[in-house]
Amino acid sequence: MASFNRVILVGNLTRDPELRYIPSGMAVTDVGLAVNDRRKNAQGEWVEDTTFVDVTLWGRTAEVASEYLGKGSPILIEGRLKLDTWEKDGKKNSKLRVVGERMQMLGAKGSGGGGGAAKGGSRGGRSESAPSEMEYSAAEAGFDAGGEPPAADLPF
């Protein structure tokens, strides 16, 4: 049977992007995304349900996210699910995350939700003219169809 692993999420960043570089020089950033869902409960009242998702971005996409986005910025992420597993102190752990292969910034230029310095004050050299509706993909970063750098470059 064939498999299909594709995720599309729209939400707001829960924290500022954490840009770092792996030994090969490839940029990687981790962001938290809050995705809201609104539905009616059994009593007919509207209930907000928020899901928090960890997203990893690579290459130029990671650099752009770090430069233009900040906590609260609205974005669209397209990517795939990845299960990380590790053992610590004899206990097996696992975490499901999204490897972002495409990112689109949704905030309007100069609006409060666009991230960067437009939200008030300078933030580490981020430009006040954050582009609106910009899109970056793993293909632009030079990745293969898998959307990740070679296994030797992975930071874990």
Protein backbone atom coordinates (compact mmCIF):
# COMPACT_ATOMS: atom_id res chain seq x y z
CA MET A 1 0.00 0.00 0.00
CA ALA A 2 1.23 3.49 -0.85
CA SER A 3 2.05 6.06 1.82
CA PHE A 4 1.46 9.80 1.91
CA ASN A 5 2.98 12.13 4.51
CA ARG A 6 1.92 15.76 3.99
CA VAL A 7 0.92 18.43 6.52
CA ILE A 8 -0.41 21.95 5.93
CA LEU A 9 -0.76 24.19 8.98
CA VAL A 10 -1.76 27.83 9.45
CA GLY A 11 -1.15 29.41 12.83
CA ASN A 12 0.88 31.86 14.88
CA LEU A 13 4.40 31.45 16.21
CA THR A 14 4.54 30.77 19.95
CA ARG A 15 8.12 31.99 20.32
CA ASP A 16 10.87 33.70 18.35
CA PRO A 17 12.72 31.45 15.90
CA GLU A 18 15.94 29.90 17.27
CA LEU A 19 18.45 30.04 14.40
CA ARG A 20 21.59 27.89 14.61
CA TYR A 21 24.06 26.39 12.18
CA ILE A 22 25.13 22.75 12.03
CA PRO A 23 28.82 21.89 11.42
CA SER A 24 28.40 21.84 7.62
CA GLY A 25 27.19 25.46 7.74
CA MET A 26 23.54 24.64 7.02
CA ALA A 27 21.05 26.88 8.85
CA VAL A 28 18.34 25.27 10.97
CA THR A 29 15.67 26.89 13.10
CA ASP A 30 13.00 25.55 15.41
CA VAL A 31 9.70 27.35 15.80
CA GLY A 32 6.60 26.63 17.81
CA LEU A 33 3.26 27.00 16.05
CA ALA A 34 -0.14 27.43 17.70
CA VAL A 35 -3.00 26.24 15.51
CA ASN A 36 -6.50 27.17 16.68
CA ASP A 37 -9.66 25.18 16.06
CA ARG A 38 -13.15 26.44 16.86
CA ARG A 39 -16.03 24.01 17.26
CA LYS A 40 -19.34 23.59 19.05
CA ASN A 41 -19.53 21.36 22.12
CA ALA A 42 -22.49 19.17 23.16
CA GLN A 43 -24.23 22.18 24.75
CA GLY A 44 -23.98 24.17 21.52
CA GLU A 45 -21.36 26.59 22.86
CA TRP A 46 -18.33 27.56 20.81
CA VAL A 47 -15.06 26.16 22.21
CA GLU A 48 -11.54 27.22 21.21
CA ASP A 49 -9.07 24.36 20.99
CA THR A 50 -5.38 25.13 20.45
CA THR A 51 -2.81 22.61 19.23
CA PHE A 52 0.89 23.36 19.69
CA VAL A 53 3.24 22.00 17.04
CA ASP A 54 7.05 22.05 16.84
CA VAL A 55 8.35 22.84 13.34
CA THR A 56 11.92 22.56 12.05
CA LEU A 57 12.99 24.66 9.05
CA TRP A 58 16.22 24.21 7.09
CA GLY A 59 18.49 26.31 4.86
CA ARG A 60 17.39 29.65 3.50
CA THR A 61 13.87 29.07 4.84
CA ALA A 62 15.31 28.94 8.37
CA GLU A 63 17.28 32.15 7.82
CA VAL A 64 14.27 34.00 6.44
CA ALA A 65 12.10 32.86 9.35
CA SER A 66 14.70 34.07 11.83
CA GLU A 67 15.12 37.40 10.06
CA TYR A 68 11.48 38.35 9.47
CA LEU A 69 9.35 36.45 11.98
CA GLY A 70 8.80 36.76 15.70
CA LYS A 71 6.44 35.57 18.37
CA GLY A 72 2.83 35.95 17.21
CA SER A 73 3.63 36.07 13.49
CA PRO A 74 1.02 34.32 11.31
CA ILE A 75 2.47 31.77 8.88
CA LEU A 76 1.53 28.83 6.69
CA ILE A 77 3.76 25.78 6.89
CA GLU A 78 3.71 22.86 4.48
CA GLY A 79 5.82 19.84 5.27
CA ARG A 80 5.84 16.32 6.60
CA LEU A 81 5.62 14.57 9.95
CA LYS A 82 8.78 13.13 11.48
CA LEU A 83 9.00 11.02 14.62
CA ASP A 84 12.17 11.56 16.64
CA THR A 85 13.09 8.86 19.13
CA TRP A 86 15.89 8.82 21.71
CA GLU A 87 16.82 7.16 24.95
CA LYS A 88 17.76 9.11 28.08
CA ASP A 89 18.54 7.59 31.47
CA GLY A 90 17.24 4.23 30.24
CA LYS A 91 13.85 5.70 29.27
CA LYS A 92 12.69 5.73 25.65
CA ASN A 93 11.33 9.07 24.48
CA SER A 94 9.67 10.17 21.26
CA LYS A 95 8.40 13.40 19.80
CA LEU A 96 6.34 14.07 16.68
CA ARG A 97 7.34 17.22 14.81
CA VAL A 98 6.87 18.79 11.40
CA VAL A 99 9.77 19.22 8.98
CA GLY A 100 8.77 22.38 7.13
CA GLU A 101 9.42 22.19 3.41
CA ARG A 102 7.57 25.38 2.47
CA MET A 103 6.80 28.50 4.49
CA GLN A 104 4.56 31.42 3.61
CA MET A 105 4.39 34.55 5.75
CA LEU A 106 0.79 35.69 6.07
CA GLY A 107 1.02 39.03 7.91
CA ALA A 108 0.47 42.18 5.87
CA LYS A 109 3.46 44.51 5.50
CA GLY A 110 3.59 46.89 8.45
CA SER A 111 0.75 45.18 10.32
CA GLY A 112 1.09 44.18 13.96
CA GLY A 113 1.08 40.45 13.16
CA GLY A 114 3.85 40.51 10.58
CA GLY A 115 6.67 39.90 13.01
CA GLY A 116 10.06 41.54 13.12
CA ALA A 117 10.46 45.19 14.10
CA ALA A 118 7.04 46.11 12.75
CA LYS A 119 5.61 44.82 16.03
CA GLY A 120 7.41 47.48 18.01
CA GLY A 121 11.08 48.27 18.38
CA SER A 122 14.21 46.87 16.85
CA ARG A 123 14.82 43.16 17.27
CA GLY A 124 18.35 42.14 16.54
CA GLY A 125 18.64 43.70 13.11
CA ARG A 126 15.37 42.49 11.68
CA SER A 127 14.11 44.61 8.85
CA GLU A 128 11.06 46.82 9.31
CA SER A 129 10.05 46.10 5.73
CA ALA A 130 9.25 42.43 6.19
CA PRO A 131 7.90 41.12 2.91
CA SER A 132 4.25 40.13 2.91
CA GLU A 133 2.97 36.84 1.50
CA MET A 134 6.52 35.64 0.75
CA GLU A 135 7.13 31.98 0.18
CA TYR A 136 10.27 29.94 0.72
CA SER A 137 10.76 26.28 0.03
CA ALA A 138 13.23 23.51 0.63
CA ALA A 139 13.95 23.41 -3.12
CA GLU A 140 15.35 26.95 -2.90
CA ALA A 141 17.66 25.76 -0.11
CA GLY A 142 19.10 23.06 -2.38
CA PHE A 143 17.56 20.04 -0.65
CA ASP A 144 16.72 16.84 -2.40
CA ALA A 145 13.14 15.59 -2.60
CA GLY A 146 13.37 14.48 1.06
CA GLY A 147 13.52 18.09 2.29
CA GLU A 148 16.40 17.53 4.71
CA PRO A 149 20.16 17.84 4.54
CA PRO A 150 22.31 14.71 4.40
CA ALA A 151 22.14 12.54 7.53
CA ALA A 152 25.72 13.47 8.46
CA ASP A 153 24.56 17.08 8.91
CA LEU A 154 21.72 16.35 11.32
CA PRO A 155 22.27 17.97 14.73
CA PHE A 156 21.08 14.92 16.71
